[in-house]
């Protein structure tokens, strides 16, 4: 169990929110995300699935070791620090998300 927790932490650290990824091939090709599609990491869950916002609007998650993908870029450190600073938060208005 602790081994799995360490593996998930490595995935979370390796693919922080904002990381840009290109799909080379997914095991589950029926979800409408074709090879070559690019997207942005929106989070990693507790079982290590990398949740994505694909540029084509889809939301298929990636499973390291099963899906084939490559990292295009990681978020800038300043962006991460700013997002952790509550004084930098912007009002989302009526609970919506800004795109």
Protein backbone atom coordinates (compact mmCIF):
# COMPACT_ATOMS: atom_id res chain seq x y z
CA UNK A 1 0.00 0.00 0.00
CA UNK A 2 2.78 2.45 0.93
CA UNK A 3 4.51 1.50 -2.33
CA UNK A 4 1.41 2.55 -4.30
CA UNK A 5 1.20 5.82 -2.36
CA UNK A 6 4.84 6.58 -3.23
CA UNK A 7 4.17 5.79 -6.89
CA UNK A 8 1.15 8.13 -6.96
CA UNK A 9 3.22 10.91 -5.33
CA UNK A 10 5.89 10.47 -8.02
CA UNK A 11 3.21 10.79 -10.72
CA UNK A 12 1.76 13.91 -9.05
CA UNK A 13 5.22 15.47 -8.81
CA UNK A 14 6.13 14.49 -12.37
CA UNK A 15 2.93 15.83 -13.94
CA UNK A 16 1.88 18.95 -12.02
CA UNK A 17 -1.24 20.90 -13.00
CA UNK A 18 -0.49 22.91 -16.13
CA UNK A 19 1.90 20.36 -17.67
CA UNK A 20 1.39 20.13 -21.45
CA UNK A 21 1.25 16.60 -22.89
CA UNK A 22 0.93 15.09 -26.37
CA UNK A 23 -0.85 11.77 -26.77
CA UNK A 24 1.11 9.21 -28.77
CA UNK A 25 -1.36 6.35 -28.30
CA UNK A 26 -4.02 5.51 -25.71
CA UNK A 27 -5.08 2.01 -24.73
CA UNK A 28 -8.72 3.18 -24.89
CA UNK A 29 -8.99 4.71 -28.37
CA UNK A 30 -12.81 4.90 -28.31
CA UNK A 31 -12.92 8.11 -26.25
CA UNK A 32 -12.28 10.49 -29.15
CA UNK A 33 -8.73 11.52 -28.32
CA UNK A 34 -6.59 10.75 -31.36
CA UNK A 35 -2.82 10.33 -31.40
CA UNK A 36 -1.06 13.66 -31.71
CA UNK A 37 -3.73 15.45 -29.64
CA UNK A 38 -2.28 17.89 -27.10
CA UNK A 39 -3.68 18.80 -23.72
CA UNK A 40 -3.07 20.19 -20.26
CA UNK A 41 -2.91 18.30 -16.96
CA UNK A 42 -5.72 19.37 -14.63
CA UNK A 43 -4.86 16.95 -11.81
CA UNK A 44 -3.75 13.50 -10.70
CA UNK A 45 -6.14 11.39 -8.63
CA UNK A 46 -5.36 9.05 -5.73
CA UNK A 47 -4.85 6.03 -8.01
CA UNK A 48 -2.40 7.86 -10.29
CA UNK A 49 -4.64 8.66 -13.26
CA UNK A 50 -3.53 11.89 -14.94
CA UNK A 51 -6.67 13.92 -15.66
CA UNK A 52 -6.46 16.00 -18.82
CA UNK A 53 -8.20 18.85 -20.59
CA UNK A 54 -7.49 17.98 -24.22
CA UNK A 55 -7.33 20.74 -26.82
CA UNK A 56 -10.20 19.01 -28.69
CA UNK A 57 -12.46 19.45 -25.64
CA UNK A 58 -12.33 15.85 -24.41
CA UNK A 59 -11.41 14.86 -20.87
CA UNK A 60 -9.86 11.38 -21.18
CA UNK A 61 -7.45 10.55 -18.34
CA UNK A 62 -4.04 9.01 -18.92
CA UNK A 63 -2.70 5.95 -17.13
CA UNK A 64 1.11 5.97 -16.90
CA UNK A 65 2.49 2.63 -18.06
CA UNK A 66 -0.57 1.87 -20.19
CA UNK A 67 -1.04 4.98 -22.33
CA UNK A 68 1.79 6.30 -24.47
CA UNK A 69 2.37 10.06 -24.22
CA UNK A 70 5.14 12.63 -23.97
CA UNK A 71 5.58 15.80 -21.93
CA UNK A 72 5.80 18.94 -24.04
CA UNK A 73 6.35 21.41 -21.18
CA UNK A 74 5.99 21.87 -17.44
CA UNK A 75 4.38 24.94 -15.85
CA UNK A 76 6.70 27.80 -14.95
CA UNK A 77 7.74 27.89 -11.28
CA UNK A 78 6.44 31.47 -10.97
CA UNK A 79 2.99 30.34 -12.14
CA UNK A 80 2.95 27.64 -9.46
CA UNK A 81 4.07 30.09 -6.76
CA UNK A 82 1.47 32.68 -7.82
CA UNK A 83 -1.33 30.11 -7.74
CA UNK A 84 -0.32 29.19 -4.16
CA UNK A 85 -0.43 32.87 -3.11
CA UNK A 86 -4.00 33.70 -1.95
CA UNK A 87 -3.44 37.42 -2.60
CA UNK A 88 -3.13 36.60 -6.33
CA UNK A 89 -6.52 34.89 -6.55
CA UNK A 90 -9.03 36.36 -8.94
CA UNK A 91 -12.76 36.34 -8.42
CA UNK A 92 -14.42 33.65 -10.50
CA UNK A 93 -17.82 35.36 -10.26
CA UNK A 94 -20.87 33.20 -9.52
CA UNK A 95 -18.67 30.14 -8.97
CA UNK A 96 -17.75 29.70 -12.63
CA UNK A 97 -14.40 28.77 -14.06
CA UNK A 98 -12.37 31.07 -16.24
CA UNK A 99 -11.07 29.46 -19.40
